[in-house]
Amino acid sequence: MAIEAELKAVVRDPEGVLKQLENQYGAGRAEVYRDTYYDAPDGSLMGGDRELRIRTVHSPDDTRTVLTYKGPRIDEASGSKPEAETRVEDADAAHDIIQGLGFTPRIQFEKRCRNYDFERDGRRLLATLVRVPELDATFIEVETVAATQEDLGPALAVVRAVLSDLGIGDDDLTTELYTDAVSAARP
């Protein structure tokens, strides 16, 4: 399974970072993610640092749904996880299948994103400026794929370089999951 080599940070100057992203990578794609995270009834999936998610992505030109499984973190400092993801044709059927297998919706929320795809040092990267309406912050996620655990360090080095170019330092990094932050923000 490929590893999502990702770093997430709190953005202190959202407008400045947005301008830098637009100047460096062109106009981003505005998308809204509607995420549903599933868990086993006993909480063992999320309790084991694993994720099972159905995400429906709405953009001006397209609506698509993806099914994602993430294994436990293999790098505590970054929170990077093995990930398998595939597009699904029918969102309702995907939800029915997951629930039919005994998983239950644990949390649902929305992310408002602006995505930038680009290459650096021979790697495909995705930078995403994120707002979650329930959270009082703007985040940036920069990710690429590491083929193996040995490739994770070099992949994260490229991700760090991109963040550094945007003025994002190590002090701004966070490994807090959106699921945990949204849960904490809800009454």
N, C-alpha and C. Protein backbone atom coordinates (compact mmCIF):
# COMPACT_ATOMS: atom_id res chain seq x y z
N MET A 1 0.86 -1.17 0.00
CA MET A 1 0.00 0.00 0.00
C MET A 1 0.90 1.23 0.00
N ALA A 2 0.59 2.19 -0.84
CA ALA A 2 1.34 3.45 -0.89
C ALA A 2 1.15 4.22 0.42
N ILE A 3 2.08 5.11 0.69
CA ILE A 3 2.03 5.92 1.91
C ILE A 3 1.74 7.37 1.53
N GLU A 4 0.74 7.94 2.16
CA GLU A 4 0.44 9.35 1.97
C GLU A 4 1.44 10.13 2.83
N ALA A 5 2.43 10.74 2.18
CA ALA A 5 3.42 11.57 2.87
C ALA A 5 2.85 12.97 2.94
N GLU A 6 2.35 13.34 4.11
CA GLU A 6 1.59 14.58 4.24
C GLU A 6 2.00 15.33 5.49
N LEU A 7 2.03 16.64 5.36
CA LEU A 7 2.17 17.52 6.51
C LEU A 7 1.00 18.50 6.48
N LYS A 8 0.48 18.78 7.66
CA LYS A 8 -0.63 19.72 7.82
C LYS A 8 -0.19 20.81 8.77
N ALA A 9 -0.59 22.03 8.48
CA ALA A 9 -0.19 23.15 9.32
C ALA A 9 -1.34 24.14 9.46
N VAL A 10 -1.31 24.88 10.55
CA VAL A 10 -2.21 26.00 10.75
C VAL A 10 -1.63 27.17 9.96
N VAL A 11 -2.48 27.87 9.21
CA VAL A 11 -2.03 29.01 8.40
C VAL A 11 -2.35 30.29 9.15
N ARG A 12 -1.33 31.04 9.47
CA ARG A 12 -1.51 32.29 10.23
C ARG A 12 -1.88 33.47 9.33
N ASP A 13 -1.51 33.40 8.04
CA ASP A 13 -1.81 34.46 7.07
C ASP A 13 -2.47 33.84 5.85
N PRO A 14 -3.74 33.48 5.96
CA PRO A 14 -4.42 32.79 4.85
C PRO A 14 -4.37 33.55 3.53
N GLU A 15 -4.58 34.86 3.56
CA GLU A 15 -4.58 35.63 2.31
C GLU A 15 -3.19 35.64 1.68
N GLY A 16 -2.16 35.78 2.49
CA GLY A 16 -0.79 35.77 1.98
C GLY A 16 -0.42 34.44 1.37
N VAL A 17 -0.78 33.35 2.04
CA VAL A 17 -0.48 32.01 1.52
C VAL A 17 -1.27 31.75 0.25
N LEU A 18 -2.53 32.18 0.21
CA LEU A 18 -3.34 32.03 -1.00
C LEU A 18 -2.68 32.74 -2.18
N LYS A 19 -2.22 33.97 -1.97
CA LYS A 19 -1.55 34.71 -3.04
C LYS A 19 -0.30 33.99 -3.52
N GLN A 20 0.48 33.46 -2.59
CA GLN A 20 1.70 32.73 -2.96
C GLN A 20 1.35 31.48 -3.77
N LEU A 21 0.34 30.74 -3.33
CA LEU A 21 -0.08 29.54 -4.06
C LEU A 21 -0.50 29.89 -5.48
N GLU A 22 -1.31 30.93 -5.61
CA GLU A 22 -1.80 31.35 -6.92
C GLU A 22 -0.64 31.80 -7.81
N ASN A 23 0.31 32.55 -7.24
CA ASN A 23 1.46 33.03 -8.02
C ASN A 23 2.36 31.88 -8.45
N GLN A 24 2.56 30.90 -7.59
CA GLN A 24 3.48 29.80 -7.89
C GLN A 24 2.85 28.70 -8.74
N TYR A 25 1.57 28.40 -8.50
CA TYR A 25 0.97 27.22 -9.10
C TYR A 25 -0.26 27.50 -9.95
N GLY A 26 -0.61 28.77 -10.12
CA GLY A 26 -1.77 29.11 -10.92
C GLY A 26 -3.06 29.05 -10.11
N ALA A 27 -4.16 29.23 -10.80
CA ALA A 27 -5.46 29.22 -10.13
C ALA A 27 -5.74 27.83 -9.56
N GLY A 28 -6.12 27.79 -8.32
CA GLY A 28 -6.47 26.52 -7.68
C GLY A 28 -7.88 26.10 -8.02
N ARG A 29 -8.20 24.87 -7.65
CA ARG A 29 -9.55 24.32 -7.84
C ARG A 29 -10.32 24.48 -6.54
N ALA A 30 -11.44 25.19 -6.59
CA ALA A 30 -12.31 25.29 -5.42
C ALA A 30 -13.18 24.05 -5.35
N GLU A 31 -13.13 23.36 -4.22
CA GLU A 31 -13.92 22.15 -4.03
C GLU A 31 -14.45 22.09 -2.60
N VAL A 32 -15.59 21.45 -2.45
CA VAL A 32 -16.17 21.21 -1.13
C VAL A 32 -16.18 19.70 -0.92
N TYR A 33 -15.56 19.26 0.17
CA TYR A 33 -15.54 17.85 0.52
C TYR A 33 -16.60 17.61 1.57
N ARG A 34 -17.42 16.61 1.35
CA ARG A 34 -18.37 16.16 2.37
C ARG A 34 -17.92 14.78 2.80
N ASP A 35 -17.39 14.70 4.00
CA ASP A 35 -16.76 13.49 4.51
C ASP A 35 -17.63 12.77 5.53
N THR A 36 -17.70 11.47 5.40
CA THR A 36 -18.31 10.61 6.41
C THR A 36 -17.26 9.59 6.81
N TYR A 37 -16.92 9.58 8.10
CA TYR A 37 -15.98 8.61 8.65
C TYR A 37 -16.76 7.52 9.34
N TYR A 38 -16.38 6.29 9.07
CA TYR A 38 -17.04 5.12 9.64
C TYR A 38 -16.14 4.46 10.66
N ASP A 39 -16.77 3.74 11.59
CA ASP A 39 -16.04 3.00 12.61
C ASP A 39 -16.80 1.71 12.90
N ALA A 40 -16.09 0.77 13.49
CA ALA A 40 -16.75 -0.44 13.99
C ALA A 40 -17.60 -0.02 15.19
N PRO A 41 -18.66 -0.76 15.49
CA PRO A 41 -19.53 -0.38 16.62
C PRO A 41 -18.76 -0.24 17.95
N ASP A 42 -17.68 -1.00 18.12
CA ASP A 42 -16.91 -0.91 19.37
C ASP A 42 -15.82 0.17 19.32
N GLY A 43 -15.73 0.91 18.21
CA GLY A 43 -14.74 1.98 18.09
C GLY A 43 -13.34 1.51 17.77
N SER A 44 -13.19 0.23 17.44
CA SER A 44 -11.85 -0.34 17.27
C SER A 44 -11.13 0.16 16.01
N LEU A 45 -11.85 0.58 15.00
CA LEU A 45 -11.19 1.05 13.79
C LEU A 45 -10.47 2.37 14.08
N MET A 46 -11.21 3.37 14.51
CA MET A 46 -10.60 4.66 14.82
C MET A 46 -9.73 4.57 16.07
N GLY A 47 -10.11 3.73 17.00
CA GLY A 47 -9.30 3.53 18.20
C GLY A 47 -7.94 2.93 17.87
N GLY A 48 -7.85 2.24 16.75
CA GLY A 48 -6.59 1.67 16.27
C GLY A 48 -5.88 2.59 15.29
N ASP A 49 -6.26 3.88 15.26
CA ASP A 49 -5.63 4.90 14.42
C ASP A 49 -5.82 4.61 12.93
N ARG A 50 -6.92 3.93 12.59
CA ARG A 50 -7.25 3.66 11.20
C ARG A 50 -8.46 4.49 10.81
N GLU A 51 -8.61 4.73 9.50
CA GLU A 51 -9.71 5.54 9.01
C GLU A 51 -10.39 4.85 7.84
N LEU A 52 -11.70 4.93 7.83
CA LEU A 52 -12.51 4.46 6.71
C LEU A 52 -13.46 5.60 6.38
N ARG A 53 -13.29 6.15 5.17
CA ARG A 53 -14.01 7.38 4.84
C ARG A 53 -14.63 7.28 3.45
N ILE A 54 -15.83 7.87 3.35
CA ILE A 54 -16.43 8.14 2.05
C ILE A 54 -16.48 9.65 1.92
N ARG A 55 -15.88 10.14 0.83
CA ARG A 55 -15.81 11.59 0.58
C ARG A 55 -16.50 11.87 -0.75
N THR A 56 -17.45 12.79 -0.72
CA THR A 56 -18.04 13.28 -1.95
C THR A 56 -17.50 14.68 -2.18
N VAL A 57 -16.89 14.88 -3.35
CA VAL A 57 -16.23 16.13 -3.69
C VAL A 57 -17.09 16.87 -4.70
N HIS A 58 -17.47 18.09 -4.34
CA HIS A 58 -18.26 18.94 -5.23
C HIS A 58 -17.36 20.05 -5.74
N SER A 59 -17.30 20.18 -7.07
CA SER A 59 -16.57 21.28 -7.69
C SER A 59 -17.50 21.92 -8.70
N PRO A 60 -17.14 23.06 -9.26
CA PRO A 60 -18.04 23.70 -10.23
C PRO A 60 -18.34 22.83 -11.45
N ASP A 61 -17.41 21.94 -11.81
CA ASP A 61 -17.59 21.14 -13.02
C ASP A 61 -17.93 19.68 -12.79
N ASP A 62 -17.88 19.21 -11.52
CA ASP A 62 -17.89 17.77 -11.30
C ASP A 62 -18.33 17.45 -9.88
N THR A 63 -18.92 16.29 -9.72
CA THR A 63 -19.13 15.71 -8.39
C THR A 63 -18.62 14.29 -8.48
N ARG A 64 -17.76 13.91 -7.54
CA ARG A 64 -17.19 12.56 -7.52
C ARG A 64 -17.14 12.07 -6.08
N THR A 65 -17.10 10.76 -5.93
CA THR A 65 -17.05 10.15 -4.61
C THR A 65 -15.87 9.19 -4.56
N VAL A 66 -15.15 9.23 -3.45
CA VAL A 66 -14.01 8.32 -3.27
C VAL A 66 -14.14 7.60 -1.92
N LEU A 67 -13.72 6.36 -1.94
CA LEU A 67 -13.66 5.52 -0.74
C LEU A 67 -12.20 5.43 -0.35
N THR A 68 -11.90 5.70 0.93
CA THR A 68 -10.52 5.72 1.40
C THR A 68 -10.37 4.89 2.66
N TYR A 69 -9.29 4.11 2.70
CA TYR A 69 -8.87 3.43 3.93
C TYR A 69 -7.46 3.90 4.24
N LYS A 70 -7.23 4.30 5.49
CA LYS A 70 -5.90 4.68 5.95
C LYS A 70 -5.54 3.78 7.13
N GLY A 71 -4.35 3.20 7.06
CA GLY A 71 -3.85 2.38 8.15
C GLY A 71 -3.27 3.25 9.26
N PRO A 72 -2.77 2.63 10.32
CA PRO A 72 -2.19 3.40 11.42
C PRO A 72 -0.96 4.20 10.97
N ARG A 73 -0.70 5.30 11.67
CA ARG A 73 0.46 6.15 11.35
C ARG A 73 1.74 5.32 11.39
N ILE A 74 2.59 5.59 10.42
CA ILE A 74 3.90 4.96 10.43
C ILE A 74 4.99 5.97 10.73
N ASP A 75 4.59 7.25 10.85
CA ASP A 75 5.52 8.31 11.21
C ASP A 75 4.76 9.27 12.13
N GLU A 76 5.08 9.21 13.42
CA GLU A 76 4.36 10.04 14.39
C GLU A 76 4.57 11.53 14.16
N ALA A 77 5.77 11.94 13.74
CA ALA A 77 6.06 13.36 13.58
C ALA A 77 5.19 14.01 12.51
N SER A 78 4.91 13.27 11.43
CA SER A 78 4.10 13.84 10.34
C SER A 78 2.66 13.35 10.37
N GLY A 79 2.42 12.20 10.97
CA GLY A 79 1.09 11.59 10.93
C GLY A 79 0.84 10.82 9.64
N SER A 80 1.88 10.63 8.82
CA SER A 80 1.72 9.93 7.54
C SER A 80 1.25 8.50 7.74
N LYS A 81 0.37 8.07 6.84
CA LYS A 81 -0.28 6.76 6.95
C LYS A 81 -0.28 6.04 5.60
N PRO A 82 -0.26 4.71 5.62
CA PRO A 82 -0.54 3.97 4.39
C PRO A 82 -1.98 4.27 3.97
N GLU A 83 -2.20 4.41 2.67
CA GLU A 83 -3.52 4.81 2.19
C GLU A 83 -3.88 4.06 0.92
N ALA A 84 -5.12 3.61 0.86
CA ALA A 84 -5.69 3.06 -0.37
C ALA A 84 -6.98 3.83 -0.64
N GLU A 85 -7.11 4.29 -1.88
CA GLU A 85 -8.26 5.12 -2.24
C GLU A 85 -8.72 4.77 -3.63
N THR A 86 -10.04 4.76 -3.81
CA THR A 86 -10.59 4.49 -5.14
C THR A 86 -11.87 5.29 -5.34
N ARG A 87 -12.10 5.65 -6.56
CA ARG A 87 -13.33 6.36 -6.92
C ARG A 87 -14.47 5.35 -6.95
N VAL A 88 -15.64 5.76 -6.49
CA VAL A 88 -16.82 4.90 -6.54
C VAL A 88 -17.88 5.58 -7.41
N GLU A 89 -18.61 4.76 -8.11
CA GLU A 89 -19.60 5.27 -9.06
C GLU A 89 -20.86 5.80 -8.37
N ASP A 90 -21.28 5.15 -7.30
CA ASP A 90 -22.56 5.46 -6.66
C ASP A 90 -22.34 5.68 -5.16
N ALA A 91 -22.41 6.94 -4.73
CA ALA A 91 -22.15 7.28 -3.33
C ALA A 91 -23.13 6.58 -2.38
N ASP A 92 -24.41 6.57 -2.73
CA ASP A 92 -25.39 5.94 -1.85
C ASP A 92 -25.11 4.44 -1.69
N ALA A 93 -24.75 3.79 -2.79
CA ALA A 93 -24.44 2.36 -2.72
C ALA A 93 -23.20 2.13 -1.86
N ALA A 94 -22.21 2.99 -1.97
CA ALA A 94 -20.99 2.84 -1.15
C ALA A 94 -21.33 2.95 0.33
N HIS A 95 -22.15 3.92 0.70
CA HIS A 95 -22.58 4.05 2.11
C HIS A 95 -23.34 2.79 2.54
N ASP A 96 -24.23 2.29 1.68
CA ASP A 96 -24.99 1.09 2.02
C ASP A 96 -24.08 -0.12 2.22
N ILE A 97 -23.07 -0.26 1.36
CA ILE A 97 -22.14 -1.38 1.48
C ILE A 97 -21.37 -1.31 2.80
N ILE A 98 -20.83 -0.15 3.11
CA ILE A 98 -20.03 0.01 4.34
C ILE A 98 -20.90 -0.27 5.56
N GLN A 99 -22.13 0.25 5.56
CA GLN A 99 -23.02 -0.01 6.69
C GLN A 99 -23.47 -1.46 6.73
N GLY A 100 -23.66 -2.06 5.55
CA GLY A 100 -24.03 -3.47 5.49
C GLY A 100 -22.94 -4.37 6.05
N LEU A 101 -21.70 -3.93 5.98
CA LEU A 101 -20.58 -4.68 6.55
C LEU A 101 -20.46 -4.49 8.07
N GLY A 102 -21.34 -3.66 8.64
CA GLY A 102 -21.37 -3.49 10.09
C GLY A 102 -20.72 -2.22 10.60
N PHE A 103 -20.19 -1.38 9.71
CA PHE A 103 -19.59 -0.13 10.15
C PHE A 103 -20.68 0.93 10.31
N THR A 104 -20.48 1.84 11.23
CA THR A 104 -21.46 2.88 11.49
C THR A 104 -20.83 4.26 11.29
N PRO A 105 -21.62 5.23 10.84
CA PRO A 105 -21.08 6.58 10.69
C PRO A 105 -20.63 7.11 12.06
N ARG A 106 -19.40 7.55 12.15
CA ARG A 106 -18.86 8.07 13.41
C ARG A 106 -18.95 9.59 13.44
N ILE A 107 -18.58 10.23 12.31
CA ILE A 107 -18.63 11.69 12.24
C ILE A 107 -18.72 12.12 10.78
N GLN A 108 -19.45 13.20 10.57
CA GLN A 108 -19.58 13.78 9.24
C GLN A 108 -19.28 15.27 9.36
N PHE A 109 -18.57 15.80 8.36
CA PHE A 109 -18.31 17.24 8.34
C PHE A 109 -17.91 17.66 6.93
N GLU A 110 -17.78 18.97 6.76
CA GLU A 110 -17.48 19.55 5.46
C GLU A 110 -16.13 20.27 5.52
N LYS A 111 -15.38 20.14 4.44
CA LYS A 111 -14.13 20.88 4.28
C LYS A 111 -14.27 21.72 3.00
N ARG A 112 -13.95 23.00 3.11
CA ARG A 112 -13.94 23.89 1.93
C ARG A 112 -12.48 24.06 1.51
N CYS A 113 -12.18 23.60 0.32
CA CYS A 113 -10.78 23.46 -0.09
C CYS A 113 -10.47 24.23 -1.37
N ARG A 114 -9.23 24.61 -1.47
CA ARG A 114 -8.67 25.13 -2.72
C ARG A 114 -7.42 24.30 -2.98
N ASN A 115 -7.43 23.55 -4.09
CA ASN A 115 -6.40 22.57 -4.39
C ASN A 115 -5.47 23.03 -5.50
N TYR A 116 -4.19 22.70 -5.33
CA TYR A 116 -3.15 23.03 -6.30
C TYR A 116 -2.33 21.77 -6.58
N ASP A 117 -2.35 21.30 -7.81
CA ASP A 117 -1.55 20.15 -8.24
C ASP A 117 -0.30 20.67 -8.93
N PHE A 118 0.86 20.10 -8.61
CA PHE A 118 2.09 20.54 -9.25
C PHE A 118 3.17 19.48 -9.06
N GLU A 119 4.31 19.69 -9.71
CA GLU A 119 5.45 18.80 -9.57
C GLU A 119 6.61 19.56 -8.96
N ARG A 120 7.38 18.82 -8.17
CA ARG A 120 8.62 19.38 -7.61
C ARG A 120 9.57 18.21 -7.36
N ASP A 121 10.79 18.39 -7.76
CA ASP A 121 11.83 17.37 -7.55
C ASP A 121 11.38 15.99 -8.01
N GLY A 122 10.65 15.95 -9.13
CA GLY A 122 10.21 14.68 -9.70
C GLY A 122 9.02 14.05 -9.02
N ARG A 123 8.37 14.75 -8.12
CA ARG A 123 7.21 14.21 -7.40
C ARG A 123 5.96 15.02 -7.75
N ARG A 124 4.84 14.33 -7.85
CA ARG A 124 3.53 14.98 -7.95
C ARG A 124 3.11 15.37 -6.55
N LEU A 125 2.68 16.60 -6.38
CA LEU A 125 2.24 17.09 -5.08
C LEU A 125 0.85 17.70 -5.18
N LEU A 126 0.20 17.73 -4.05
CA LEU A 126 -1.08 18.41 -3.90
C LEU A 126 -0.98 19.30 -2.68
N ALA A 127 -1.22 20.59 -2.87
CA ALA A 127 -1.32 21.53 -1.75
C ALA A 127 -2.79 21.93 -1.65
N THR A 128 -3.32 21.85 -0.45
CA THR A 128 -4.74 22.14 -0.23
C THR A 128 -4.89 23.15 0.90
N LEU A 129 -5.48 24.28 0.59
CA LEU A 129 -5.83 25.27 1.61
C LEU A 129 -7.22 24.89 2.10
N VAL A 130 -7.38 24.70 3.41
CA VAL A 130 -8.59 24.09 3.97
C VAL A 130 -9.24 24.99 5.02
N ARG A 131 -10.57 25.11 4.91
CA ARG A 131 -11.39 25.71 5.97
C ARG A 131 -12.45 24.68 6.33
N VAL A 132 -12.57 24.41 7.61
CA VAL A 132 -13.65 23.58 8.13
C VAL A 132 -14.56 24.54 8.88
N PRO A 133 -15.81 24.71 8.43
CA PRO A 133 -16.68 25.73 9.03
C PRO A 133 -16.76 25.66 10.56
N GLU A 134 -16.64 24.48 11.13
CA GLU A 134 -16.77 24.34 12.58
C GLU A 134 -15.48 24.69 13.34
N LEU A 135 -14.40 24.91 12.63
CA LEU A 135 -13.13 25.20 13.28
C LEU A 135 -12.71 26.63 12.98
N ASP A 136 -12.12 27.28 13.95
CA ASP A 136 -11.74 28.67 13.80
C ASP A 136 -10.28 28.77 13.35
N ALA A 137 -9.99 28.20 12.17
CA ALA A 137 -8.63 28.24 11.65
C ALA A 137 -8.65 27.89 10.17
N THR A 138 -7.58 28.26 9.50
CA THR A 138 -7.33 27.83 8.13
C THR A 138 -6.11 26.92 8.20
N PHE A 139 -6.15 25.86 7.42
CA PHE A 139 -5.06 24.88 7.41
C PHE A 139 -4.51 24.76 6.00
N ILE A 140 -3.29 24.26 5.91
CA ILE A 140 -2.74 23.84 4.63
C ILE A 140 -2.24 22.42 4.79
N GLU A 141 -2.55 21.61 3.79
CA GLU A 141 -2.05 20.24 3.71
C GLU A 141 -1.21 20.17 2.44
N VAL A 142 -0.02 19.63 2.55
CA VAL A 142 0.79 19.36 1.36
C VAL A 142 1.13 17.88 1.41
N GLU A 143 0.87 17.20 0.29
CA GLU A 143 1.07 15.75 0.29
C GLU A 143 1.65 15.28 -1.04
N THR A 144 2.28 14.13 -0.95
CA THR A 144 2.77 13.39 -2.10
C THR A 144 2.70 11.92 -1.72
N VAL A 145 3.10 11.05 -2.63
CA VAL A 145 3.05 9.62 -2.35
C VAL A 145 4.47 9.10 -2.16
N ALA A 146 4.65 8.33 -1.10
CA ALA A 146 5.90 7.59 -0.89
C ALA A 146 5.61 6.14 -1.24
N ALA A 147 6.44 5.57 -2.09
CA ALA A 147 6.21 4.19 -2.54
C ALA A 147 6.48 3.18 -1.43
N THR A 148 7.44 3.49 -0.56
CA THR A 148 7.83 2.58 0.52
C THR A 148 8.12 3.39 1.77
N GLN A 149 8.30 2.71 2.87
CA GLN A 149 8.64 3.40 4.11
C GLN A 149 10.01 4.08 3.99
N GLU A 150 10.92 3.47 3.23
CA GLU A 150 12.24 4.06 3.02
C GLU A 150 12.14 5.36 2.21
N ASP A 151 11.13 5.47 1.37
CA ASP A 151 10.92 6.66 0.54
C ASP A 151 10.21 7.78 1.29
N LEU A 152 9.70 7.49 2.49
CA LEU A 152 8.92 8.48 3.23
C LEU A 152 9.76 9.70 3.60
N GLY A 153 10.97 9.50 4.08
CA GLY A 153 11.83 10.63 4.46
C GLY A 153 12.09 11.58 3.31
N PRO A 154 12.54 11.08 2.15
CA PRO A 154 12.74 11.97 1.00
C PRO A 154 11.44 12.65 0.54
N ALA A 155 10.32 11.93 0.59
CA ALA A 155 9.04 12.52 0.19
C ALA A 155 8.67 13.66 1.14
N LEU A 156 8.83 13.44 2.44
CA LEU A 156 8.50 14.49 3.41
C LEU A 156 9.45 15.68 3.30
N ALA A 157 10.68 15.45 2.88
CA ALA A 157 11.63 16.55 2.68
C ALA A 157 11.13 17.50 1.59
N VAL A 158 10.57 16.94 0.52
CA VAL A 158 10.01 17.77 -0.55
C VAL A 158 8.79 18.54 -0.03
N VAL A 159 7.94 17.86 0.72
CA VAL A 159 6.75 18.50 1.29
C VAL A 159 7.16 19.65 2.21
N ARG A 160 8.16 19.43 3.06
CA ARG A 160 8.66 20.50 3.96
C ARG A 160 9.20 21.69 3.17
N ALA A 161 9.89 21.42 2.07
CA ALA A 161 10.43 22.50 1.25
C ALA A 161 9.32 23.36 0.67
N VAL A 162 8.24 22.73 0.22
CA VAL A 162 7.10 23.48 -0.30
C VAL A 162 6.50 24.36 0.81
N LEU A 163 6.30 23.78 1.99
CA LEU A 163 5.75 24.56 3.10
C LEU A 163 6.67 25.72 3.46
N SER A 164 7.96 25.46 3.49
CA SER A 164 8.92 26.51 3.81
C SER A 164 8.83 27.66 2.80
N ASP A 165 8.70 27.32 1.52
CA ASP A 165 8.55 28.35 0.48
C ASP A 165 7.32 29.21 0.71
N LEU A 166 6.31 28.64 1.35
CA LEU A 166 5.06 29.37 1.63
C LEU A 166 5.11 30.10 2.97
N GLY A 167 6.25 30.03 3.65
CA GLY A 167 6.38 30.71 4.94
C GLY A 167 5.80 29.93 6.10
N ILE A 168 5.58 28.64 5.91
CA ILE A 168 5.02 27.78 6.95
C ILE A 168 6.19 27.07 7.63
N GLY A 169 6.34 27.29 8.93
CA GLY A 169 7.44 26.68 9.68
C GLY A 169 7.00 25.49 10.50
N ASP A 170 7.98 24.84 11.11
CA ASP A 170 7.69 23.67 11.94
C ASP A 170 6.77 24.00 13.11
N ASP A 171 6.81 25.25 13.59
CA ASP A 171 5.93 25.66 14.71
C ASP A 171 4.46 25.60 14.33
N ASP A 172 4.19 25.71 13.03
CA ASP A 172 2.81 25.74 12.54
C ASP A 172 2.23 24.35 12.28
N LEU A 173 3.09 23.33 12.26
CA LEU A 173 2.64 21.97 11.94
C LEU A 173 1.73 21.40 13.02
N THR A 174 0.80 20.56 12.59
CA THR A 174 -0.08 19.86 13.52
C THR A 174 -0.36 18.46 12.99
N THR A 175 -0.50 17.52 13.90
CA THR A 175 -0.91 16.16 13.51
C THR A 175 -2.33 15.87 14.00
N GLU A 176 -2.99 16.87 14.57
CA GLU A 176 -4.37 16.66 15.02
C GLU A 176 -5.26 16.34 13.83
N LEU A 177 -6.04 15.29 13.96
CA LEU A 177 -6.96 14.89 12.91
C LEU A 177 -8.17 15.81 12.90
N TYR A 178 -8.70 16.08 11.72
CA TYR A 178 -9.93 16.87 11.62
C TYR A 178 -11.06 16.22 12.40
N THR A 179 -11.12 14.89 12.37
CA THR A 179 -12.19 14.20 13.08
C THR A 179 -12.14 14.54 14.58
N ASP A 180 -10.94 14.56 15.15
CA ASP A 180 -10.80 14.89 16.57
C ASP A 180 -11.13 16.36 16.85
N ALA A 181 -10.64 17.26 15.98
CA ALA A 181 -10.87 18.69 16.17
C ALA A 181 -12.36 19.03 16.06
N VAL A 182 -13.03 18.44 15.06
CA VAL A 182 -14.46 18.70 14.88
C VAL A 182 -15.25 18.12 16.06
N SER A 183 -14.90 16.91 16.48
CA SER A 183 -15.58 16.30 17.64
C SER A 183 -15.44 17.18 18.87
N ALA A 184 -14.25 17.71 19.10
CA ALA A 184 -14.01 18.56 20.26
C ALA A 184 -14.78 19.88 20.17
N ALA A 185 -15.00 20.37 18.95
CA ALA A 185 -15.69 21.65 18.76
C ALA A 185 -17.21 21.52 18.89
N ARG A 186 -17.72 20.31 18.78
CA ARG A 186 -19.17 20.11 18.86
C ARG A 186 -19.61 19.94 20.31
N PRO A 187 -20.80 20.44 20.62
CA PRO A 187 -21.29 20.28 22.01
C PRO A 187 -21.59 18.84 22.34
